[in-house]
Amino acid sequence: MLAMSCHAETDCEFPEEMCTAQAAFDLADTEMAETLDAVQTKIANNGFEDFMVEPADIAESLELGQSAWTNYRDEHCTAVFRLMSGGTSRHVDELDCMTELTEARTVQLRELYDVAP
């Protein structure tokens, strides 16, 4: 996963477009982490008792699914980077890919596990 240190726009070590893309990914990643925390809290509080599934099974399937999804996202966006490797915006393209997929995954998690943003 690409991670870079971008400072305030007036003191950015990278082109502004790169810093903007990194900031967008960081926000999407934070929102997904918060959503995962909300799901784990709901599991811990037996918020799925009507589903007739053990909380441990729900937690395990969430962990396995999220791990598989993260691998998919990273590999897919690496493929985007490689495809665009002849261009100057390949890092931005990779970050945009990661942001788009992370935002979509967050929506999926919120809908599937019925947790609020």
PDB file of N, CA and C in Angstrom:
ATOM      1  N   MET A   1       0.843  -1.156   0.000  1.00  0.00           N
ATOM      2  CA  MET A   1       0.000   0.000   0.000  1.00  0.00           C
ATOM      3  C   MET A   1       0.896   1.228   0.000  1.00  0.00           C
ATOM      4  N   LEU A   2       0.527   2.183  -0.810  1.00  0.00           N
ATOM      5  CA  LEU A   2       1.293   3.410  -0.917  1.00  0.00           C
ATOM      6  C   LEU A   2       0.908   4.348   0.205  1.00  0.00           C
ATOM      7  N   ALA A   3       1.883   4.844   0.914  1.00  0.00           N
ATOM      8  CA  ALA A   3       1.622   5.832   1.959  1.00  0.00           C
ATOM      9  C   ALA A   3       2.730   6.865   1.889  1.00  0.00           C
ATOM     10  N   MET A   4       2.340   8.099   1.839  1.00  0.00           N
ATOM     11  CA  MET A   4       3.315   9.171   1.748  1.00  0.00           C
ATOM     12  C   MET A   4       2.988  10.236   2.764  1.00  0.00           C
ATOM     13  N   SER A   5       3.982  10.989   3.108  1.00  0.00           N
ATOM     14  CA  SER A   5       3.809  12.071   4.063  1.00  0.00           C
ATOM     15  C   SER A   5       3.547  13.365   3.316  1.00  0.00           C
ATOM     16  N   CYS A   6       2.315  13.834   3.386  1.00  0.00           N
ATOM     17  CA  CYS A   6       1.954  15.094   2.752  1.00  0.00           C
ATOM     18  C   CYS A   6       1.644  16.098   3.849  1.00  0.00           C
ATOM     19  N   HIS A   7       2.187  17.263   3.704  1.00  0.00           N
ATOM     20  CA  HIS A   7       1.976  18.314   4.684  1.00  0.00           C
ATOM     21  C   HIS A   7       0.897  19.259   4.181  1.00  0.00           C
ATOM     22  N   ALA A   8       0.677  20.328   4.904  1.00  0.00           N
ATOM     23  CA  ALA A   8      -0.284  21.336   4.472  1.00  0.00           C
ATOM     24  C   ALA A   8       0.040  21.727   3.037  1.00  0.00           C
ATOM     25  N   GLU A   9      -0.988  22.087   2.288  1.00  0.00           N
ATOM     26  CA  GLU A   9      -0.799  22.345   0.869  1.00  0.00           C
ATOM     27  C   GLU A   9       0.323  23.342   0.593  1.00  0.00           C
ATOM     28  N   THR A  10       0.544  24.274   1.464  1.00  0.00           N
ATOM     29  CA  THR A  10       1.611  25.244   1.244  1.00  0.00           C
ATOM     30  C   THR A  10       2.982  24.654   1.524  1.00  0.00           C
ATOM     31  N   ASP A  11       3.043  23.522   2.186  1.00  0.00           N
ATOM     32  CA  ASP A  11       4.311  22.903   2.559  1.00  0.00           C
ATOM     33  C   ASP A  11       4.337  21.437   2.126  1.00  0.00           C
ATOM     34  N   CYS A  12       3.745  21.135   1.005  1.00  0.00           N
ATOM     35  CA  CYS A  12       3.628  19.760   0.532  1.00  0.00           C
ATOM     36  C   CYS A  12       4.915  19.340  -0.170  1.00  0.00           C
ATOM     37  N   GLU A  13       5.442  18.178   0.225  1.00  0.00           N
ATOM     38  CA  GLU A  13       6.674  17.662  -0.371  1.00  0.00           C
ATOM     39  C   GLU A  13       6.435  17.070  -1.758  1.00  0.00           C
ATOM     40  N   PHE A  14       5.188  16.812  -2.092  1.00  0.00           N
ATOM     41  CA  PHE A  14       4.827  16.171  -3.344  1.00  0.00           C
ATOM     42  C   PHE A  14       3.915  17.103  -4.128  1.00  0.00           C
ATOM     43  N   PRO A  15       3.690  16.797  -5.399  1.00  0.00           N
ATOM     44  CA  PRO A  15       2.748  17.621  -6.162  1.00  0.00           C
ATOM     45  C   PRO A  15       1.383  17.665  -5.459  1.00  0.00           C
ATOM     46  N   GLU A  16       0.704  18.780  -5.604  1.00  0.00           N
ATOM     47  CA  GLU A  16      -0.576  18.981  -4.920  1.00  0.00           C
ATOM     48  C   GLU A  16      -1.564  17.861  -5.229  1.00  0.00           C
ATOM     49  N   GLU A  17      -1.603  17.412  -6.478  1.00  0.00           N
ATOM     50  CA  GLU A  17      -2.525  16.342  -6.866  1.00  0.00           C
ATOM     51  C   GLU A  17      -2.248  15.064  -6.063  1.00  0.00           C
ATOM     52  N   MET A  18      -0.985  14.797  -5.827  1.00  0.00           N
ATOM     53  CA  MET A  18      -0.599  13.613  -5.047  1.00  0.00           C
ATOM     54  C   MET A  18      -1.037  13.762  -3.594  1.00  0.00           C
ATOM     55  N   CYS A  19      -0.810  14.938  -3.030  1.00  0.00           N
ATOM     56  CA  CYS A  19      -1.196  15.173  -1.640  1.00  0.00           C
ATOM     57  C   CYS A  19      -2.709  15.100  -1.473  1.00  0.00           C
ATOM     58  N   THR A  20      -3.432  15.614  -2.445  1.00  0.00           N
ATOM     59  CA  THR A  20      -4.893  15.560  -2.407  1.00  0.00           C
ATOM     60  C   THR A  20      -5.374  14.109  -2.475  1.00  0.00           C
ATOM     61  N   ALA A  21      -4.764  13.320  -3.355  1.00  0.00           N
ATOM     62  CA  ALA A  21      -5.140  11.907  -3.480  1.00  0.00           C
ATOM     63  C   ALA A  21      -4.824  11.142  -2.199  1.00  0.00           C
ATOM     64  N   GLN A  22      -3.681  11.425  -1.588  1.00  0.00           N
ATOM     65  CA  GLN A  22      -3.310  10.757  -0.337  1.00  0.00           C
ATOM     66  C   GLN A  22      -4.280  11.127   0.775  1.00  0.00           C
ATOM     67  N   ALA A  23      -4.643  12.402   0.859  1.00  0.00           N
ATOM     68  CA  ALA A  23      -5.579  12.853   1.894  1.00  0.00           C
ATOM     69  C   ALA A  23      -6.941  12.187   1.715  1.00  0.00           C
ATOM     70  N   ALA A  24      -7.385  12.036   0.471  1.00  0.00           N
ATOM     71  CA  ALA A  24      -8.670  11.380   0.206  1.00  0.00           C
ATOM     72  C   ALA A  24      -8.624   9.918   0.631  1.00  0.00           C
ATOM     73  N   PHE A  25      -7.518   9.236   0.322  1.00  0.00           N
ATOM     74  CA  PHE A  25      -7.399   7.841   0.744  1.00  0.00           C
ATOM     75  C   PHE A  25      -7.347   7.731   2.260  1.00  0.00           C
ATOM     76  N   ASP A  26      -6.577   8.599   2.900  1.00  0.00           N
ATOM     77  CA  ASP A  26      -6.475   8.565   4.362  1.00  0.00           C
ATOM     78  C   ASP A  26      -7.846   8.726   5.006  1.00  0.00           C
ATOM     79  N   LEU A  27      -8.657   9.633   4.471  1.00  0.00           N
ATOM     80  CA  LEU A  27     -10.006   9.844   4.998  1.00  0.00           C
ATOM     81  C   LEU A  27     -10.864   8.598   4.790  1.00  0.00           C
ATOM     82  N   ALA A  28     -10.825   8.033   3.594  1.00  0.00           N
ATOM     83  CA  ALA A  28     -11.605   6.827   3.308  1.00  0.00           C
ATOM     84  C   ALA A  28     -11.176   5.672   4.206  1.00  0.00           C
ATOM     85  N   ASP A  29      -9.881   5.529   4.418  1.00  0.00           N
ATOM     86  CA  ASP A  29      -9.356   4.453   5.260  1.00  0.00           C
ATOM     87  C   ASP A  29      -9.785   4.644   6.717  1.00  0.00           C
ATOM     88  N   THR A  30      -9.774   5.874   7.189  1.00  0.00           N
ATOM     89  CA  THR A  30     -10.219   6.173   8.556  1.00  0.00           C
ATOM     90  C   THR A  30     -11.700   5.862   8.719  1.00  0.00           C
ATOM     91  N   GLU A  31     -12.510   6.244   7.730  1.00  0.00           N
ATOM     92  CA  GLU A  31     -13.948   5.970   7.802  1.00  0.00           C
ATOM     93  C   GLU A  31     -14.223   4.471   7.792  1.00  0.00           C
ATOM     94  N   MET A  32     -13.463   3.718   7.017  1.00  0.00           N
ATOM     95  CA  MET A  32     -13.661   2.271   7.015  1.00  0.00           C
ATOM     96  C   MET A  32     -13.254   1.677   8.359  1.00  0.00           C
ATOM     97  N   ALA A  33     -12.159   2.143   8.928  1.00  0.00           N
ATOM     98  CA  ALA A  33     -11.723   1.650  10.244  1.00  0.00           C
ATOM     99  C   ALA A  33     -12.777   1.945  11.304  1.00  0.00           C
ATOM    100  N   GLU A  34     -13.369   3.126  11.258  1.00  0.00           N
ATOM    101  CA  GLU A  34     -14.426   3.478  12.208  1.00  0.00           C
ATOM    102  C   GLU A  34     -15.651   2.591  12.009  1.00  0.00           C
ATOM    103  N   THR A  35     -15.971   2.278  10.766  1.00  0.00           N
ATOM    104  CA  THR A  35     -17.096   1.392  10.474  1.00  0.00           C
ATOM    105  C   THR A  35     -16.814  -0.009  10.996  1.00  0.00           C
ATOM    106  N   LEU A  36     -15.606  -0.503  10.784  1.00  0.00           N
ATOM    107  CA  LEU A  36     -15.238  -1.821  11.308  1.00  0.00           C
ATOM    108  C   LEU A  36     -15.310  -1.846  12.828  1.00  0.00           C
ATOM    109  N   ASP A  37     -14.882  -0.771  13.469  1.00  0.00           N
ATOM    110  CA  ASP A  37     -14.989  -0.676  14.931  1.00  0.00           C
ATOM    111  C   ASP A  37     -16.448  -0.742  15.368  1.00  0.00           C
ATOM    112  N   ALA A  38     -17.327  -0.056  14.633  1.00  0.00           N
ATOM    113  CA  ALA A  38     -18.754  -0.064  14.966  1.00  0.00           C
ATOM    114  C   ALA A  38     -19.338  -1.469  14.817  1.00  0.00           C
ATOM    115  N   VAL A  39     -18.933  -2.179  13.778  1.00  0.00           N
ATOM    116  CA  VAL A  39     -19.409  -3.554  13.581  1.00  0.00           C
ATOM    117  C   VAL A  39     -18.908  -4.441  14.716  1.00  0.00           C
ATOM    118  N   GLN A  40     -17.639  -4.322  15.062  1.00  0.00           N
ATOM    119  CA  GLN A  40     -17.078  -5.143  16.137  1.00  0.00           C
ATOM    120  C   GLN A  40     -17.743  -4.837  17.478  1.00  0.00           C
ATOM    121  N   THR A  41     -18.080  -3.585  17.711  1.00  0.00           N
ATOM    122  CA  THR A  41     -18.800  -3.221  18.933  1.00  0.00           C
ATOM    123  C   THR A  41     -20.187  -3.845  18.932  1.00  0.00           C
ATOM    124  N   LYS A  42     -20.850  -3.799  17.784  1.00  0.00           N
ATOM    125  CA  LYS A  42     -22.182  -4.400  17.672  1.00  0.00           C
ATOM    126  C   LYS A  42     -22.111  -5.910  17.919  1.00  0.00           C
ATOM    127  N   ILE A  43     -21.082  -6.548  17.397  1.00  0.00           N
ATOM    128  CA  ILE A  43     -20.899  -7.985  17.636  1.00  0.00           C
ATOM    129  C   ILE A  43     -20.681  -8.237  19.125  1.00  0.00           C
ATOM    130  N   ALA A  44     -19.801  -7.459  19.739  1.00  0.00           N
ATOM    131  CA  ALA A  44     -19.485  -7.633  21.166  1.00  0.00           C
ATOM    132  C   ALA A  44     -20.701  -7.399  22.053  1.00  0.00           C
ATOM    133  N   ASN A  45     -21.596  -6.522  21.624  1.00  0.00           N
ATOM    134  CA  ASN A  45     -22.807  -6.215  22.396  1.00  0.00           C
ATOM    135  C   ASN A  45     -23.983  -7.107  22.018  1.00  0.00           C
ATOM    136  N   ASN A  46     -23.693  -8.193  21.298  1.00  0.00           N
ATOM    137  CA  ASN A  46     -24.705  -9.163  20.882  1.00  0.00           C
ATOM    138  C   ASN A  46     -25.797  -8.514  20.038  1.00  0.00           C
ATOM    139  N   GLY A  47     -25.389  -7.588  19.188  1.00  0.00           N
ATOM    140  CA  GLY A  47     -26.336  -6.880  18.336  1.00  0.00           C
ATOM    141  C   GLY A  47     -26.898  -7.695  17.198  1.00  0.00           C
ATOM    142  N   PHE A  48     -26.446  -8.922  17.068  1.00  0.00           N
ATOM    143  CA  PHE A  48     -26.936  -9.793  16.006  1.00  0.00           C
ATOM    144  C   PHE A  48     -27.665 -11.010  16.568  1.00  0.00           C
ATOM    145  N   GLU A  49     -28.189 -10.914  17.794  1.00  0.00           N
ATOM    146  CA  GLU A  49     -28.800 -12.075  18.438  1.00  0.00           C
ATOM    147  C   GLU A  49     -29.996 -12.619  17.667  1.00  0.00           C
ATOM    148  N   ASP A  50     -30.682 -11.786  16.901  1.00  0.00           N
ATOM    149  CA  ASP A  50     -31.831 -12.248  16.116  1.00  0.00           C
ATOM    150  C   ASP A  50     -31.414 -13.054  14.885  1.00  0.00           C
ATOM    151  N   PHE A  51     -30.141 -13.082  14.582  1.00  0.00           N
ATOM    152  CA  PHE A  51     -29.658 -13.754  13.382  1.00  0.00           C
ATOM    153  C   PHE A  51     -29.359 -15.234  13.611  1.00  0.00           C
ATOM    154  N   MET A  52     -29.420 -15.690  14.845  1.00  0.00           N
ATOM    155  CA  MET A  52     -29.168 -17.078  15.210  1.00  0.00           C
ATOM    156  C   MET A  52     -27.789 -17.559  14.756  1.00  0.00           C
ATOM    157  N   VAL A  53     -26.815 -16.670  14.855  1.00  0.00           N
ATOM    158  CA  VAL A  53     -25.425 -16.988  14.534  1.00  0.00           C
ATOM    159  C   VAL A  53     -24.592 -16.562  15.730  1.00  0.00           C
ATOM    160  N   GLU A  54     -23.662 -17.400  16.106  1.00  0.00           N
ATOM    161  CA  GLU A  54     -22.810 -17.083  17.245  1.00  0.00           C
ATOM    162  C   GLU A  54     -21.967 -15.839  16.959  1.00  0.00           C
ATOM    163  N   PRO A  55     -21.838 -14.954  17.938  1.00  0.00           N
ATOM    164  CA  PRO A  55     -21.008 -13.755  17.743  1.00  0.00           C
ATOM    165  C   PRO A  55     -19.587 -14.080  17.280  1.00  0.00           C
ATOM    166  N   ALA A  56     -19.014 -15.157  17.802  1.00  0.00           N
ATOM    167  CA  ALA A  56     -17.652 -15.530  17.393  1.00  0.00           C
ATOM    168  C   ALA A  56     -17.593 -15.872  15.905  1.00  0.00           C
ATOM    169  N   ASP A  57     -18.651 -16.508  15.398  1.00  0.00           N
ATOM    170  CA  ASP A  57     -18.697 -16.841  13.971  1.00  0.00           C
ATOM    171  C   ASP A  57     -18.816 -15.581  13.118  1.00  0.00           C
ATOM    172  N   ILE A  58     -19.611 -14.629  13.586  1.00  0.00           N
ATOM    173  CA  ILE A  58     -19.749 -13.363  12.858  1.00  0.00           C
ATOM    174  C   ILE A  58     -18.415 -12.625  12.855  1.00  0.00           C
ATOM    175  N   ALA A  59     -17.768 -12.580  14.002  1.00  0.00           N
ATOM    176  CA  ALA A  59     -16.476 -11.890  14.110  1.00  0.00           C
ATOM    177  C   ALA A  59     -15.429 -12.545  13.213  1.00  0.00           C
ATOM    178  N   GLU A  60     -15.406 -13.875  13.208  1.00  0.00           N
ATOM    179  CA  GLU A  60     -14.434 -14.581  12.375  1.00  0.00           C
ATOM    180  C   GLU A  60     -14.691 -14.328  10.894  1.00  0.00           C
ATOM    181  N   SER A  61     -15.953 -14.380  10.482  1.00  0.00           N
ATOM    182  CA  SER A  61     -16.251 -14.160   9.068  1.00  0.00           C
ATOM    183  C   SER A  61     -15.935 -12.720   8.658  1.00  0.00           C
ATOM    184  N   LEU A  62     -16.161 -11.776   9.558  1.00  0.00           N
ATOM    185  CA  LEU A  62     -15.803 -10.383   9.281  1.00  0.00           C
ATOM    186  C   LEU A  62     -14.293 -10.262   9.088  1.00  0.00           C
ATOM    187  N   GLU A  63     -13.529 -10.861   9.989  1.00  0.00           N
ATOM    188  CA  GLU A  63     -12.066 -10.781   9.914  1.00  0.00           C
ATOM    189  C   GLU A  63     -11.538 -11.427   8.634  1.00  0.00           C
ATOM    190  N   LEU A  64     -12.035 -12.609   8.317  1.00  0.00           N
ATOM    191  CA  LEU A  64     -11.580 -13.301   7.111  1.00  0.00           C
ATOM    192  C   LEU A  64     -11.988 -12.547   5.848  1.00  0.00           C
ATOM    193  N   GLY A  65     -13.214 -12.078   5.834  1.00  0.00           N
ATOM    194  CA  GLY A  65     -13.696 -11.329   4.676  1.00  0.00           C
ATOM    195  C   GLY A  65     -12.935 -10.037   4.471  1.00  0.00           C
ATOM    196  N   GLN A  66     -12.667  -9.339   5.565  1.00  0.00           N
ATOM    197  CA  GLN A  66     -11.945  -8.073   5.459  1.00  0.00           C
ATOM    198  C   GLN A  66     -10.506  -8.302   5.010  1.00  0.00           C
ATOM    199  N   SER A  67      -9.898  -9.354   5.501  1.00  0.00           N
ATOM    200  CA  SER A  67      -8.532  -9.674   5.088  1.00  0.00           C
ATOM    201  C   SER A  67      -8.477  -9.988   3.591  1.00  0.00           C
ATOM    202  N   ALA A  68      -9.421 -10.789   3.123  1.00  0.00           N
ATOM    203  CA  ALA A  68      -9.472 -11.126   1.700  1.00  0.00           C
ATOM    204  C   ALA A  68      -9.744  -9.877   0.863  1.00  0.00           C
ATOM    205  N   TRP A  69     -10.652  -9.037   1.337  1.00  0.00           N
ATOM    206  CA  TRP A  69     -10.967  -7.808   0.604  1.00  0.00           C
ATOM    207  C   TRP A  69      -9.745  -6.889   0.537  1.00  0.00           C
ATOM    208  N   THR A  70      -9.014  -6.746   1.632  1.00  0.00           N
ATOM    209  CA  THR A  70      -7.828  -5.885   1.653  1.00  0.00           C
ATOM    210  C   THR A  70      -6.786  -6.391   0.656  1.00  0.00           C
ATOM    211  N   ASN A  71      -6.583  -7.698   0.612  1.00  0.00           N
ATOM    212  CA  ASN A  71      -5.651  -8.270  -0.368  1.00  0.00           C
ATOM    213  C   ASN A  71      -6.105  -7.963  -1.786  1.00  0.00           C
ATOM    214  N   TYR A  72      -7.407  -8.125  -2.042  1.00  0.00           N
ATOM    215  CA  TYR A  72      -7.950  -7.813  -3.367  1.00  0.00           C
ATOM    216  C   TYR A  72      -7.698  -6.352  -3.719  1.00  0.00           C
ATOM    217  N   ARG A  73      -8.056  -5.446  -2.809  1.00  0.00           N
ATOM    218  CA  ARG A  73      -7.893  -4.012  -3.075  1.00  0.00           C
ATOM    219  C   ARG A  73      -6.441  -3.690  -3.403  1.00  0.00           C
ATOM    220  N   ASP A  74      -5.547  -4.163  -2.564  1.00  0.00           N
ATOM    221  CA  ASP A  74      -4.134  -3.841  -2.753  1.00  0.00           C
ATOM    222  C   ASP A  74      -3.600  -4.390  -4.077  1.00  0.00           C
ATOM    223  N   GLU A  75      -3.926  -5.630  -4.395  1.00  0.00           N
ATOM    224  CA  GLU A  75      -3.438  -6.233  -5.639  1.00  0.00           C
ATOM    225  C   GLU A  75      -4.074  -5.588  -6.862  1.00  0.00           C
ATOM    226  N   HIS A  76      -5.363  -5.306  -6.791  1.00  0.00           N
ATOM    227  CA  HIS A  76      -6.043  -4.662  -7.916  1.00  0.00           C
ATOM    228  C   HIS A  76      -5.445  -3.283  -8.182  1.00  0.00           C
ATOM    229  N   CYS A  77      -5.239  -2.515  -7.130  1.00  0.00           N
ATOM    230  CA  CYS A  77      -4.706  -1.162  -7.308  1.00  0.00           C
ATOM    231  C   CYS A  77      -3.233  -1.184  -7.702  1.00  0.00           C
ATOM    232  N   THR A  78      -2.511  -2.229  -7.326  1.00  0.00           N
ATOM    233  CA  THR A  78      -1.148  -2.407  -7.829  1.00  0.00           C
ATOM    234  C   THR A  78      -1.182  -2.659  -9.333  1.00  0.00           C
ATOM    235  N   ALA A  79      -2.172  -3.419  -9.786  1.00  0.00           N
ATOM    236  CA  ALA A  79      -2.328  -3.650 -11.225  1.00  0.00           C
ATOM    237  C   ALA A  79      -2.618  -2.338 -11.953  1.00  0.00           C
ATOM    238  N   VAL A  80      -3.435  -1.483 -11.351  1.00  0.00           N
ATOM    239  CA  VAL A  80      -3.703  -0.165 -11.935  1.00  0.00           C
ATOM    240  C   VAL A  80      -2.401   0.620 -12.031  1.00  0.00           C
ATOM    241  N   PHE A  81      -1.620   0.610 -10.960  1.00  0.00           N
ATOM    242  CA  PHE A  81      -0.330   1.308 -10.949  1.00  0.00           C
ATOM    243  C   PHE A  81       0.563   0.797 -12.078  1.00  0.00           C
ATOM    244  N   ARG A  82       0.654  -0.521 -12.215  1.00  0.00           N
ATOM    245  CA  ARG A  82       1.520  -1.096 -13.256  1.00  0.00           C
ATOM    246  C   ARG A  82       1.018  -0.746 -14.649  1.00  0.00           C
ATOM    247  N   LEU A  83      -0.289  -0.786 -14.834  1.00  0.00           N
ATOM    248  CA  LEU A  83      -0.860  -0.442 -16.128  1.00  0.00           C
ATOM    249  C   LEU A  83      -0.526   1.000 -16.495  1.00  0.00           C
ATOM    250  N   MET A  84      -0.542   1.873 -15.506  1.00  0.00           N
ATOM    251  CA  MET A  84      -0.291   3.293 -15.742  1.00  0.00           C
ATOM    252  C   MET A  84       1.183   3.660 -15.551  1.00  0.00           C
ATOM    253  N   SER A  85       2.065   2.656 -15.454  1.00  0.00           N
ATOM    254  CA  SER A  85       3.459   2.925 -15.092  1.00  0.00           C
ATOM    255  C   SER A  85       4.206   3.773 -16.108  1.00  0.00           C
ATOM    256  N   GLY A  86       3.678   3.914 -17.293  1.00  0.00           N
ATOM    257  CA  GLY A  86       4.322   4.773 -18.274  1.00  0.00           C
ATOM    258  C   GLY A  86       3.948   6.234 -18.120  1.00  0.00           C
ATOM    259  N   GLY A  87       2.980   6.508 -17.256  1.00  0.00           N
ATOM    260  CA  GLY A  87       2.508   7.884 -17.098  1.00  0.00           C
ATOM    261  C   GLY A  87       2.990   8.517 -15.813  1.00  0.00           C
ATOM    262  N   THR A  88       2.870   9.807 -15.754  1.00  0.00           N
ATOM    263  CA  THR A  88       3.344  10.525 -14.570  1.00  0.00           C
ATOM    264  C   THR A  88       2.339  10.514 -13.432  1.00  0.00           C
ATOM    265  N   SER A  89       1.106  10.112 -13.698  1.00  0.00           N
ATOM    266  CA  SER A  89       0.080  10.143 -12.648  1.00  0.00           C
ATOM    267  C   SER A  89      -0.178   8.773 -12.041  1.00  0.00           C
ATOM    268  N   ARG A  90       0.720   7.832 -12.235  1.00  0.00           N
ATOM    269  CA  ARG A  90       0.460   6.458 -11.783  1.00  0.00           C
ATOM    270  C   ARG A  90       0.237   6.351 -10.277  1.00  0.00           C
ATOM    271  N   HIS A  91       0.946   7.145  -9.486  1.00  0.00           N
ATOM    272  CA  HIS A  91       0.745   7.105  -8.035  1.00  0.00           C
ATOM    273  C   HIS A  91      -0.633   7.652  -7.669  1.00  0.00           C
ATOM    274  N   VAL A  92      -1.039   8.707  -8.347  1.00  0.00           N
ATOM    275  CA  VAL A  92      -2.368   9.276  -8.115  1.00  0.00           C
ATOM    276  C   VAL A  92      -3.430   8.272  -8.545  1.00  0.00           C
ATOM    277  N   ASP A  93      -3.224   7.621  -9.687  1.00  0.00           N
ATOM    278  CA  ASP A  93      -4.175   6.611 -10.160  1.00  0.00           C
ATOM    279  C   ASP A  93      -4.318   5.474  -9.152  1.00  0.00           C
ATOM    280  N   GLU A  94      -3.196   5.047  -8.585  1.00  0.00           N
ATOM    281  CA  GLU A  94      -3.228   3.978  -7.580  1.00  0.00           C
ATOM    282  C   GLU A  94      -3.993   4.425  -6.334  1.00  0.00           C
ATOM    283  N   LEU A  95      -3.709   5.625  -5.862  1.00  0.00           N
ATOM    284  CA  LEU A  95      -4.413   6.144  -4.681  1.00  0.00           C
ATOM    285  C   LEU A  95      -5.897   6.343  -4.960  1.00  0.00           C
ATOM    286  N   ASP A  96      -6.225   6.836  -6.145  1.00  0.00           N
ATOM    287  CA  ASP A  96      -7.637   7.004  -6.504  1.00  0.00           C
ATOM    288  C   ASP A  96      -8.350   5.656  -6.513  1.00  0.00           C
ATOM    289  N   CYS A  97      -7.687   4.630  -7.023  1.00  0.00           N
ATOM    290  CA  CYS A  97      -8.238   3.276  -7.022  1.00  0.00           C
ATOM    291  C   CYS A  97      -8.490   2.807  -5.595  1.00  0.00           C
ATOM    292  N   MET A  98      -7.504   2.993  -4.737  1.00  0.00           N
ATOM    293  CA  MET A  98      -7.636   2.556  -3.347  1.00  0.00           C
ATOM    294  C   MET A  98      -8.753   3.317  -2.634  1.00  0.00           C
ATOM    295  N   THR A  99      -8.860   4.599  -2.916  1.00  0.00           N
ATOM    296  CA  THR A  99      -9.915   5.406  -2.301  1.00  0.00           C
ATOM    297  C   THR A  99     -11.283   4.931  -2.758  1.00  0.00           C
ATOM    298  N   GLU A 100     -11.440   4.741  -4.059  1.00  0.00           N
ATOM    299  CA  GLU A 100     -12.730   4.322  -4.610  1.00  0.00           C
ATOM    300  C   GLU A 100     -13.172   2.979  -4.031  1.00  0.00           C
ATOM    301  N   LEU A 101     -12.270   2.017  -4.002  1.00  0.00           N
ATOM    302  CA  LEU A 101     -12.625   0.697  -3.479  1.00  0.00           C
ATOM    303  C   LEU A 101     -12.880   0.737  -1.974  1.00  0.00           C
ATOM    304  N   THR A 102     -12.118   1.530  -1.248  1.00  0.00           N
ATOM    305  CA  THR A 102     -12.298   1.637   0.202  1.00  0.00           C
ATOM    306  C   THR A 102     -13.628   2.292   0.536  1.00  0.00           C
ATOM    307  N   GLU A 103     -13.983   3.340  -0.198  1.00  0.00           N
ATOM    308  CA  GLU A 103     -15.285   3.984   0.025  1.00  0.00           C
ATOM    309  C   GLU A 103     -16.428   3.011  -0.259  1.00  0.00           C
ATOM    310  N   ALA A 104     -16.309   2.244  -1.338  1.00  0.00           N
ATOM    311  CA  ALA A 104     -17.351   1.272  -1.676  1.00  0.00           C
ATOM    312  C   ALA A 104     -17.446   0.176  -0.614  1.00  0.00           C
ATOM    313  N   ARG A 105     -16.316  -0.288  -0.118  1.00  0.00           N
ATOM    314  CA  ARG A 105     -16.315  -1.322   0.922  1.00  0.00           C
ATOM    315  C   ARG A 105     -16.960  -0.811   2.199  1.00  0.00           C
ATOM    316  N   THR A 106     -16.704   0.441   2.536  1.00  0.00           N
ATOM    317  CA  THR A 106     -17.300   1.025   3.735  1.00  0.00           C
ATOM    318  C   THR A 106     -18.817   1.026   3.620  1.00  0.00           C
ATOM    319  N   VAL A 107     -19.329   1.392   2.463  1.00  0.00           N
ATOM    320  CA  VAL A 107     -20.783   1.372   2.241  1.00  0.00           C
ATOM    321  C   VAL A 107     -21.306  -0.058   2.376  1.00  0.00           C
ATOM    322  N   GLN A 108     -20.601  -1.025   1.791  1.00  0.00           N
ATOM    323  CA  GLN A 108     -21.019  -2.428   1.894  1.00  0.00           C
ATOM    324  C   GLN A 108     -21.095  -2.878   3.345  1.00  0.00           C
ATOM    325  N   LEU A 109     -20.068  -2.553   4.119  1.00  0.00           N
ATOM    326  CA  LEU A 109     -20.044  -2.949   5.531  1.00  0.00           C
ATOM    327  C   LEU A 109     -21.186  -2.304   6.305  1.00  0.00           C
ATOM    328  N   ARG A 110     -21.423  -1.032   6.081  1.00  0.00           N
ATOM    329  CA  ARG A 110     -22.501  -0.328   6.785  1.00  0.00           C
ATOM    330  C   ARG A 110     -23.858  -0.937   6.464  1.00  0.00           C
ATOM    331  N   GLU A 111     -24.070  -1.273   5.199  1.00  0.00           N
ATOM    332  CA  GLU A 111     -25.354  -1.850   4.798  1.00  0.00           C
ATOM    333  C   GLU A 111     -25.505  -3.284   5.297  1.00  0.00           C
ATOM    334  N   LEU A 112     -24.483  -4.099   5.147  1.00  0.00           N
ATOM    335  CA  LEU A 112     -24.562  -5.502   5.546  1.00  0.00           C
ATOM    336  C   LEU A 112     -24.753  -5.658   7.044  1.00  0.00           C
ATOM    337  N   TYR A 113     -23.983  -4.908   7.817  1.00  0.00           N
ATOM    338  CA  TYR A 113     -24.018  -5.048   9.274  1.00  0.00           C
ATOM    339  C   TYR A 113     -24.923  -4.023   9.946  1.00  0.00           C
ATOM    340  N   ASP A 114     -25.586  -3.202   9.150  1.00  0.00           N
ATOM    341  CA  ASP A 114     -26.551  -2.215   9.637  1.00  0.00           C
ATOM    342  C   ASP A 114     -25.963  -1.339  10.749  1.00  0.00           C
ATOM    343  N   VAL A 115     -24.866  -0.661  10.399  1.00  0.00           N
ATOM    344  CA  VAL A 115     -24.258   0.295  11.322  1.00  0.00           C
ATOM    345  C   VAL A 115     -24.251   1.662  10.653  1.00  0.00           C
ATOM    346  N   ALA A 116     -24.396   2.678  11.458  1.00  0.00           N
ATOM    347  CA  ALA A 116     -24.447   4.048  10.950  1.00  0.00           C
ATOM    348  C   ALA A 116     -23.037   4.583  10.737  1.00  0.00           C
ATOM    349  N   PRO A 117     -22.922   5.543   9.843  1.00  0.00           N
ATOM    350  CA  PRO A 117     -21.606   6.169   9.624  1.00  0.00           C
ATOM    351  C   PRO A 117     -21.126   6.915  10.851  1.00  0.00           C
TER     352      PRO A 117
END
